[in-house]
């Protein structure tokens, strides 16, 4: 994620992710990911922890995955359509 951070600083106004006709710039994506990383760390998430990410493909999914990685944890993708049983 360090490489992403450097790219976001250099190209903050360029599109970073696009989904269903909507897009976020590197600056927007980085800010959202940093905010989530801070929240996770404030909740006690630390390196080597695993964090479940329950979401369908979306812009928010990109921020969630990056935020978990920035907090030092590993993300575990969870498909919301997967049966409960």
PDB file of N, CA and C in Angstrom:
ATOM      1  N   UNK A   1       0.812  -1.205   0.000  1.00  0.00           N
ATOM      2  CA  UNK A   1       0.000   0.000   0.000  1.00  0.00           C
ATOM      3  C   UNK A   1       0.854   1.266   0.000  1.00  0.00           C
ATOM      4  N   UNK A   2       2.150   1.144   0.290  1.00  0.00           N
ATOM      5  CA  UNK A   2       3.043   2.311   0.239  1.00  0.00           C
ATOM      6  C   UNK A   2       3.127   2.865  -1.181  1.00  0.00           C
ATOM      7  N   UNK A   3       3.203   1.984  -2.155  1.00  0.00           N
ATOM      8  CA  UNK A   3       3.241   2.415  -3.553  1.00  0.00           C
ATOM      9  C   UNK A   3       1.955   3.147  -3.915  1.00  0.00           C
ATOM     10  N   UNK A   4       0.828   2.650  -3.421  1.00  0.00           N
ATOM     11  CA  UNK A   4      -0.440   3.336  -3.667  1.00  0.00           C
ATOM     12  C   UNK A   4      -0.417   4.725  -3.048  1.00  0.00           C
ATOM     13  N   UNK A   5       0.089   4.830  -1.829  1.00  0.00           N
ATOM     14  CA  UNK A   5       0.162   6.121  -1.131  1.00  0.00           C
ATOM     15  C   UNK A   5       0.971   7.130  -1.947  1.00  0.00           C
ATOM     16  N   UNK A   6       2.103   6.685  -2.475  1.00  0.00           N
ATOM     17  CA  UNK A   6       2.942   7.564  -3.297  1.00  0.00           C
ATOM     18  C   UNK A   6       2.214   7.980  -4.568  1.00  0.00           C
ATOM     19  N   UNK A   7       1.539   7.038  -5.195  1.00  0.00           N
ATOM     20  CA  UNK A   7       0.783   7.342  -6.414  1.00  0.00           C
ATOM     21  C   UNK A   7      -0.345   8.314  -6.110  1.00  0.00           C
ATOM     22  N   UNK A   8      -1.027   8.112  -4.999  1.00  0.00           N
ATOM     23  CA  UNK A   8      -2.128   8.993  -4.618  1.00  0.00           C
ATOM     24  C   UNK A   8      -1.641  10.417  -4.371  1.00  0.00           C
ATOM     25  N   UNK A   9      -0.445  10.565  -3.818  1.00  0.00           N
ATOM     26  CA  UNK A   9       0.109  11.900  -3.590  1.00  0.00           C
ATOM     27  C   UNK A   9       0.451  12.597  -4.908  1.00  0.00           C
ATOM     28  N   UNK A  10       0.992  11.836  -5.848  1.00  0.00           N
ATOM     29  CA  UNK A  10       1.399  12.420  -7.133  1.00  0.00           C
ATOM     30  C   UNK A  10       0.219  12.690  -8.068  1.00  0.00           C
ATOM     31  N   UNK A  11      -0.809  11.860  -7.984  1.00  0.00           N
ATOM     32  CA  UNK A  11      -1.910  11.932  -8.954  1.00  0.00           C
ATOM     33  C   UNK A  11      -3.267  12.020  -8.257  1.00  0.00           C
ATOM     34  N   UNK A  12      -3.363  12.841  -7.226  1.00  0.00           N
ATOM     35  CA  UNK A  12      -4.562  12.852  -6.390  1.00  0.00           C
ATOM     36  C   UNK A  12      -5.851  13.193  -7.136  1.00  0.00           C
ATOM     37  N   UNK A  13      -5.756  13.898  -8.258  1.00  0.00           N
ATOM     38  CA  UNK A  13      -6.966  14.280  -8.990  1.00  0.00           C
ATOM     39  C   UNK A  13      -7.282  13.363 -10.167  1.00  0.00           C
ATOM     40  N   UNK A  14      -6.480  12.341 -10.366  1.00  0.00           N
ATOM     41  CA  UNK A  14      -6.728  11.397 -11.463  1.00  0.00           C
ATOM     42  C   UNK A  14      -7.650  10.278 -10.993  1.00  0.00           C
ATOM     43  N   UNK A  15      -8.446   9.736 -11.907  1.00  0.00           N
ATOM     44  CA  UNK A  15      -9.318   8.613 -11.532  1.00  0.00           C
ATOM     45  C   UNK A  15      -8.501   7.404 -11.076  1.00  0.00           C
ATOM     46  N   UNK A  16      -8.926   6.803  -9.975  1.00  0.00           N
ATOM     47  CA  UNK A  16      -8.245   5.614  -9.443  1.00  0.00           C
ATOM     48  C   UNK A  16      -9.090   4.367  -9.649  1.00  0.00           C
ATOM     49  N   UNK A  17     -10.383   4.464  -9.364  1.00  0.00           N
ATOM     50  CA  UNK A  17     -11.293   3.328  -9.526  1.00  0.00           C
ATOM     51  C   UNK A  17     -12.587   3.804 -10.170  1.00  0.00           C
ATOM     52  N   UNK A  18     -13.150   2.927 -10.977  1.00  0.00           N
ATOM     53  CA  UNK A  18     -14.425   3.210 -11.630  1.00  0.00           C
ATOM     54  C   UNK A  18     -15.298   1.975 -11.520  1.00  0.00           C
ATOM     55  N   UNK A  19     -16.572   2.191 -11.190  1.00  0.00           N
ATOM     56  CA  UNK A  19     -17.514   1.080 -11.116  1.00  0.00           C
ATOM     57  C   UNK A  19     -18.908   1.605 -11.440  1.00  0.00           C
ATOM     58  N   UNK A  20     -19.586   0.930 -12.346  1.00  0.00           N
ATOM     59  CA  UNK A  20     -20.948   1.309 -12.748  1.00  0.00           C
ATOM     60  C   UNK A  20     -21.076   2.791 -13.110  1.00  0.00           C
ATOM     61  N   UNK A  21     -20.102   3.305 -13.828  1.00  0.00           N
ATOM     62  CA  UNK A  21     -20.162   4.681 -14.287  1.00  0.00           C
ATOM     63  C   UNK A  21     -19.758   5.724 -13.264  1.00  0.00           C
ATOM     64  N   UNK A  22     -19.447   5.317 -12.052  1.00  0.00           N
ATOM     65  CA  UNK A  22     -18.988   6.250 -11.025  1.00  0.00           C
ATOM     66  C   UNK A  22     -17.504   6.025 -10.807  1.00  0.00           C
ATOM     67  N   UNK A  23     -16.808   7.086 -10.419  1.00  0.00           N
ATOM     68  CA  UNK A  23     -15.377   6.914 -10.157  1.00  0.00           C
ATOM     69  C   UNK A  23     -14.946   7.779  -8.981  1.00  0.00           C
ATOM     70  N   UNK A  24     -13.844   7.360  -8.383  1.00  0.00           N
ATOM     71  CA  UNK A  24     -13.181   8.116  -7.326  1.00  0.00           C
ATOM     72  C   UNK A  24     -11.771   8.407  -7.787  1.00  0.00           C
ATOM     73  N   UNK A  25     -11.280   9.574  -7.412  1.00  0.00           N
ATOM     74  CA  UNK A  25      -9.896   9.915  -7.704  1.00  0.00           C
ATOM     75  C   UNK A  25      -8.989   9.209  -6.700  1.00  0.00           C
ATOM     76  N   UNK A  26      -7.692   9.251  -6.989  1.00  0.00           N
ATOM     77  CA  UNK A  26      -6.731   8.687  -6.041  1.00  0.00           C
ATOM     78  C   UNK A  26      -6.855   9.376  -4.686  1.00  0.00           C
ATOM     79  N   UNK A  27      -7.056  10.687  -4.703  1.00  0.00           N
ATOM     80  CA  UNK A  27      -7.190  11.418  -3.445  1.00  0.00           C
ATOM     81  C   UNK A  27      -8.404  10.975  -2.651  1.00  0.00           C
ATOM     82  N   UNK A  28      -9.537  10.804  -3.336  1.00  0.00           N
ATOM     83  CA  UNK A  28     -10.754  10.364  -2.657  1.00  0.00           C
ATOM     84  C   UNK A  28     -10.601   8.951  -2.098  1.00  0.00           C
ATOM     85  N   UNK A  29     -10.092   8.050  -2.920  1.00  0.00           N
ATOM     86  CA  UNK A  29      -9.917   6.668  -2.479  1.00  0.00           C
ATOM     87  C   UNK A  29      -8.948   6.592  -1.305  1.00  0.00           C
ATOM     88  N   UNK A  30      -7.855   7.321  -1.391  1.00  0.00           N
ATOM     89  CA  UNK A  30      -6.865   7.303  -0.318  1.00  0.00           C
ATOM     90  C   UNK A  30      -7.453   7.851   0.984  1.00  0.00           C
ATOM     91  N   UNK A  31      -8.219   8.936   0.900  1.00  0.00           N
ATOM     92  CA  UNK A  31      -8.825   9.524   2.100  1.00  0.00           C
ATOM     93  C   UNK A  31      -9.804   8.554   2.751  1.00  0.00           C
ATOM     94  N   UNK A  32     -10.624   7.894   1.950  1.00  0.00           N
ATOM     95  CA  UNK A  32     -11.597   6.941   2.489  1.00  0.00           C
ATOM     96  C   UNK A  32     -10.892   5.740   3.116  1.00  0.00           C
ATOM     97  N   UNK A  33      -9.853   5.242   2.452  1.00  0.00           N
ATOM     98  CA  UNK A  33      -9.099   4.101   2.979  1.00  0.00           C
ATOM     99  C   UNK A  33      -8.376   4.482   4.271  1.00  0.00           C
ATOM    100  N   UNK A  34      -7.793   5.677   4.312  1.00  0.00           N
ATOM    101  CA  UNK A  34      -7.102   6.132   5.529  1.00  0.00           C
ATOM    102  C   UNK A  34      -8.072   6.263   6.697  1.00  0.00           C
ATOM    103  N   UNK A  35      -9.267   6.786   6.418  1.00  0.00           N
ATOM    104  CA  UNK A  35     -10.281   6.934   7.474  1.00  0.00           C
ATOM    105  C   UNK A  35     -10.661   5.565   8.045  1.00  0.00           C
ATOM    106  N   UNK A  36     -10.892   4.590   7.157  1.00  0.00           N
ATOM    107  CA  UNK A  36     -11.241   3.250   7.629  1.00  0.00           C
ATOM    108  C   UNK A  36     -10.081   2.622   8.399  1.00  0.00           C
ATOM    109  N   UNK A  37      -8.861   2.804   7.917  1.00  0.00           N
ATOM    110  CA  UNK A  37      -7.691   2.246   8.609  1.00  0.00           C
ATOM    111  C   UNK A  37      -7.596   2.800  10.028  1.00  0.00           C
ATOM    112  N   UNK A  38      -7.826   4.104  10.188  1.00  0.00           N
ATOM    113  CA  UNK A  38      -7.786   4.711  11.529  1.00  0.00           C
ATOM    114  C   UNK A  38      -8.874   4.125  12.432  1.00  0.00           C
ATOM    115  N   UNK A  39     -10.071   3.959  11.887  1.00  0.00           N
ATOM    116  CA  UNK A  39     -11.174   3.385  12.666  1.00  0.00           C
ATOM    117  C   UNK A  39     -10.827   1.964  13.104  1.00  0.00           C
ATOM    118  N   UNK A  40     -10.308   1.173  12.175  1.00  0.00           N
ATOM    119  CA  UNK A  40      -9.948  -0.208  12.505  1.00  0.00           C
ATOM    120  C   UNK A  40      -8.881  -0.257  13.594  1.00  0.00           C
ATOM    121  N   UNK A  41      -7.858   0.592  13.469  1.00  0.00           N
ATOM    122  CA  UNK A  41      -6.795   0.603  14.479  1.00  0.00           C
ATOM    123  C   UNK A  41      -7.323   1.083  15.829  1.00  0.00           C
ATOM    124  N   UNK A  42      -8.228   2.066  15.813  1.00  0.00           N
ATOM    125  CA  UNK A  42      -8.842   2.535  17.061  1.00  0.00           C
ATOM    126  C   UNK A  42      -9.676   1.439  17.721  1.00  0.00           C
ATOM    127  N   UNK A  43     -10.182   0.514  16.911  1.00  0.00           N
ATOM    128  CA  UNK A  43     -10.972  -0.616  17.431  1.00  0.00           C
ATOM    129  C   UNK A  43     -10.094  -1.791  17.841  1.00  0.00           C
ATOM    130  N   UNK A  44      -8.785  -1.627  17.724  1.00  0.00           N
ATOM    131  CA  UNK A  44      -7.872  -2.669  18.180  1.00  0.00           C
ATOM    132  C   UNK A  44      -7.358  -3.608  17.108  1.00  0.00           C
ATOM    133  N   UNK A  45      -7.689  -3.357  15.851  1.00  0.00           N
ATOM    134  CA  UNK A  45      -7.157  -4.186  14.768  1.00  0.00           C
ATOM    135  C   UNK A  45      -5.666  -3.896  14.644  1.00  0.00           C
ATOM    136  N   UNK A  46      -4.878  -4.944  14.527  1.00  0.00           N
ATOM    137  CA  UNK A  46      -3.427  -4.786  14.443  1.00  0.00           C
ATOM    138  C   UNK A  46      -2.867  -5.717  13.379  1.00  0.00           C
ATOM    139  N   UNK A  47      -1.582  -5.550  13.065  1.00  0.00           N
ATOM    140  CA  UNK A  47      -0.965  -6.439  12.075  1.00  0.00           C
ATOM    141  C   UNK A  47      -1.195  -7.905  12.447  1.00  0.00           C
ATOM    142  N   UNK A  48      -1.360  -8.698  11.428  1.00  0.00           N
ATOM    143  CA  UNK A  48      -1.630 -10.140  11.538  1.00  0.00           C
ATOM    144  C   UNK A  48      -3.074 -10.469  11.879  1.00  0.00           C
ATOM    145  N   UNK A  49      -3.918  -9.465  12.146  1.00  0.00           N
ATOM    146  CA  UNK A  49      -5.350  -9.733  12.308  1.00  0.00           C
ATOM    147  C   UNK A  49      -5.973  -9.940  10.932  1.00  0.00           C
ATOM    148  N   UNK A  50      -7.144 -10.548  10.930  1.00  0.00           N
ATOM    149  CA  UNK A  50      -7.909 -10.722   9.704  1.00  0.00           C
ATOM    150  C   UNK A  50      -9.233  -9.989   9.877  1.00  0.00           C
ATOM    151  N   UNK A  51      -9.648  -9.284   8.820  1.00  0.00           N
ATOM    152  CA  UNK A  51     -10.881  -8.509   8.865  1.00  0.00           C
ATOM    153  C   UNK A  51     -11.768  -8.959   7.717  1.00  0.00           C
ATOM    154  N   UNK A  52     -12.982  -9.379   8.050  1.00  0.00           N
ATOM    155  CA  UNK A  52     -13.935  -9.770   7.018  1.00  0.00           C
ATOM    156  C   UNK A  52     -14.487  -8.547   6.307  1.00  0.00           C
ATOM    157  N   UNK A  53     -14.568  -8.629   4.986  1.00  0.00           N
ATOM    158  CA  UNK A  53     -15.139  -7.550   4.181  1.00  0.00           C
ATOM    159  C   UNK A  53     -16.351  -8.136   3.461  1.00  0.00           C
ATOM    160  N   UNK A  54     -17.542  -7.798   3.955  1.00  0.00           N
ATOM    161  CA  UNK A  54     -18.795  -8.309   3.413  1.00  0.00           C
ATOM    162  C   UNK A  54     -19.394  -7.239   2.514  1.00  0.00           C
ATOM    163  N   UNK A  55     -19.228  -7.394   1.221  1.00  0.00           N
ATOM    164  CA  UNK A  55     -19.742  -6.411   0.279  1.00  0.00           C
ATOM    165  C   UNK A  55     -19.765  -6.986  -1.121  1.00  0.00           C
ATOM    166  N   UNK A  56     -20.643  -6.441  -1.901  1.00  0.00           N
ATOM    167  CA  UNK A  56     -20.652  -6.762  -3.327  1.00  0.00           C
ATOM    168  C   UNK A  56     -19.638  -5.836  -3.995  1.00  0.00           C
ATOM    169  N   UNK A  57     -19.210  -6.161  -5.222  1.00  0.00           N
ATOM    170  CA  UNK A  57     -18.282  -5.265  -5.916  1.00  0.00           C
ATOM    171  C   UNK A  57     -18.833  -3.832  -5.956  1.00  0.00           C
ATOM    172  N   UNK A  58     -17.994  -2.881  -5.597  1.00  0.00           N
ATOM    173  CA  UNK A  58     -18.397  -1.474  -5.534  1.00  0.00           C
ATOM    174  C   UNK A  58     -17.156  -0.616  -5.323  1.00  0.00           C
ATOM    175  N   UNK A  59     -17.346   0.690  -5.404  1.00  0.00           N
ATOM    176  CA  UNK A  59     -16.254   1.599  -5.073  1.00  0.00           C
ATOM    177  C   UNK A  59     -15.878   1.429  -3.602  1.00  0.00           C
ATOM    178  N   UNK A  60     -16.892   1.257  -2.765  1.00  0.00           N
ATOM    179  CA  UNK A  60     -16.653   1.101  -1.334  1.00  0.00           C
ATOM    180  C   UNK A  60     -15.807  -0.131  -1.032  1.00  0.00           C
ATOM    181  N   UNK A  61     -15.974  -1.182  -1.837  1.00  0.00           N
ATOM    182  CA  UNK A  61     -15.177  -2.387  -1.631  1.00  0.00           C
ATOM    183  C   UNK A  61     -13.694  -2.074  -1.807  1.00  0.00           C
ATOM    184  N   UNK A  62     -13.360  -1.253  -2.792  1.00  0.00           N
ATOM    185  CA  UNK A  62     -11.963  -0.871  -3.006  1.00  0.00           C
ATOM    186  C   UNK A  62     -11.404  -0.149  -1.790  1.00  0.00           C
ATOM    187  N   UNK A  63     -12.179   0.778  -1.246  1.00  0.00           N
ATOM    188  CA  UNK A  63     -11.730   1.516  -0.065  1.00  0.00           C
ATOM    189  C   UNK A  63     -11.615   0.597   1.144  1.00  0.00           C
ATOM    190  N   UNK A  64     -12.538  -0.349   1.276  1.00  0.00           N
ATOM    191  CA  UNK A  64     -12.504  -1.271   2.415  1.00  0.00           C
ATOM    192  C   UNK A  64     -11.264  -2.155   2.373  1.00  0.00           C
ATOM    193  N   UNK A  65     -10.986  -2.732   1.221  1.00  0.00           N
ATOM    194  CA  UNK A  65      -9.816  -3.609   1.095  1.00  0.00           C
ATOM    195  C   UNK A  65      -8.539  -2.823   1.373  1.00  0.00           C
ATOM    196  N   UNK A  66      -8.413  -1.652   0.769  1.00  0.00           N
ATOM    197  CA  UNK A  66      -7.218  -0.840   0.969  1.00  0.00           C
ATOM    198  C   UNK A  66      -7.101  -0.376   2.421  1.00  0.00           C
ATOM    199  N   UNK A  67      -8.223  -0.014   3.030  1.00  0.00           N
ATOM    200  CA  UNK A  67      -8.207   0.414   4.425  1.00  0.00           C
ATOM    201  C   UNK A  67      -7.748  -0.688   5.366  1.00  0.00           C
ATOM    202  N   UNK A  68      -8.216  -1.903   5.127  1.00  0.00           N
ATOM    203  CA  UNK A  68      -7.786  -3.039   5.950  1.00  0.00           C
ATOM    204  C   UNK A  68      -6.283  -3.246   5.800  1.00  0.00           C
ATOM    205  N   UNK A  69      -5.798  -3.200   4.571  1.00  0.00           N
ATOM    206  CA  UNK A  69      -4.363  -3.386   4.333  1.00  0.00           C
ATOM    207  C   UNK A  69      -3.543  -2.275   4.980  1.00  0.00           C
ATOM    208  N   UNK A  70      -4.040  -1.041   4.921  1.00  0.00           N
ATOM    209  CA  UNK A  70      -3.322   0.075   5.538  1.00  0.00           C
ATOM    210  C   UNK A  70      -3.271  -0.065   7.059  1.00  0.00           C
ATOM    211  N   UNK A  71      -4.257  -0.739   7.634  1.00  0.00           N
ATOM    212  CA  UNK A  71      -4.255  -0.987   9.077  1.00  0.00           C
ATOM    213  C   UNK A  71      -3.293  -2.115   9.436  1.00  0.00           C
ATOM    214  N   UNK A  72      -2.727  -2.761   8.423  1.00  0.00           N
ATOM    215  CA  UNK A  72      -1.762  -3.824   8.657  1.00  0.00           C
ATOM    216  C   UNK A  72      -2.373  -5.207   8.729  1.00  0.00           C
ATOM    217  N   UNK A  73      -3.672  -5.291   8.546  1.00  0.00           N
ATOM    218  CA  UNK A  73      -4.364  -6.574   8.653  1.00  0.00           C
ATOM    219  C   UNK A  73      -4.543  -7.196   7.270  1.00  0.00           C
ATOM    220  N   UNK A  74      -5.051  -8.408   7.272  1.00  0.00           N
ATOM    221  CA  UNK A  74      -5.395  -9.097   6.027  1.00  0.00           C
ATOM    222  C   UNK A  74      -6.909  -9.035   5.865  1.00  0.00           C
ATOM    223  N   UNK A  75      -7.365  -8.872   4.631  1.00  0.00           N
ATOM    224  CA  UNK A  75      -8.805  -8.852   4.416  1.00  0.00           C
ATOM    225  C   UNK A  75      -9.278 -10.237   3.996  1.00  0.00           C
ATOM    226  N   UNK A  76     -10.470 -10.572   4.463  1.00  0.00           N
ATOM    227  CA  UNK A  76     -11.107 -11.837   4.110  1.00  0.00           C
ATOM    228  C   UNK A  76     -12.382 -11.483   3.359  1.00  0.00           C
ATOM    229  N   UNK A  77     -12.401 -11.697   2.041  1.00  0.00           N
ATOM    230  CA  UNK A  77     -13.608 -11.346   1.286  1.00  0.00           C
ATOM    231  C   UNK A  77     -14.748 -12.305   1.628  1.00  0.00           C
ATOM    232  N   UNK A  78     -15.919 -11.743   1.872  1.00  0.00           N
ATOM    233  CA  UNK A  78     -17.099 -12.540   2.181  1.00  0.00           C
ATOM    234  C   UNK A  78     -18.186 -12.156   1.184  1.00  0.00           C
ATOM    235  N   UNK A  79     -18.681 -13.128   0.456  1.00  0.00           N
ATOM    236  CA  UNK A  79     -19.720 -12.900  -0.547  1.00  0.00           C
ATOM    237  C   UNK A  79     -21.069 -12.776   0.159  1.00  0.00           C
ATOM    238  N   UNK A  80     -21.741 -11.624   0.039  1.00  0.00           N
ATOM    239  CA  UNK A  80     -23.030 -11.464   0.719  1.00  0.00           C
ATOM    240  C   UNK A  80     -24.105 -12.401   0.176  1.00  0.00           C
ATOM    241  N   UNK A  81     -23.894 -12.969  -0.998  1.00  0.00           N
ATOM    242  CA  UNK A  81     -24.867 -13.901  -1.566  1.00  0.00           C
ATOM    243  C   UNK A  81     -24.623 -15.343  -1.132  1.00  0.00           C
ATOM    244  N   UNK A  82     -23.564 -15.575  -0.381  1.00  0.00           N
ATOM    245  CA  UNK A  82     -23.262 -16.924   0.087  1.00  0.00           C
ATOM    246  C   UNK A  82     -24.333 -17.340   1.095  1.00  0.00           C
ATOM    247  N   UNK A  83     -24.838 -18.571   0.983  1.00  0.00           N
ATOM    248  CA  UNK A  83     -25.907 -18.989   1.906  1.00  0.00           C
ATOM    249  C   UNK A  83     -25.454 -18.973   3.369  1.00  0.00           C
ATOM    250  N   UNK A  84     -26.386 -18.673   4.256  1.00  0.00           N
ATOM    251  CA  UNK A  84     -26.097 -18.658   5.694  1.00  0.00           C
ATOM    252  C   UNK A  84     -25.701 -20.032   6.206  1.00  0.00           C
ATOM    253  N   UNK A  85     -26.260 -21.057   5.651  1.00  0.00           N
ATOM    254  CA  UNK A  85     -26.010 -22.425   6.127  1.00  0.00           C
ATOM    255  C   UNK A  85     -25.052 -23.155   5.230  1.00  0.00           C
TER     256      UNK A  85
END
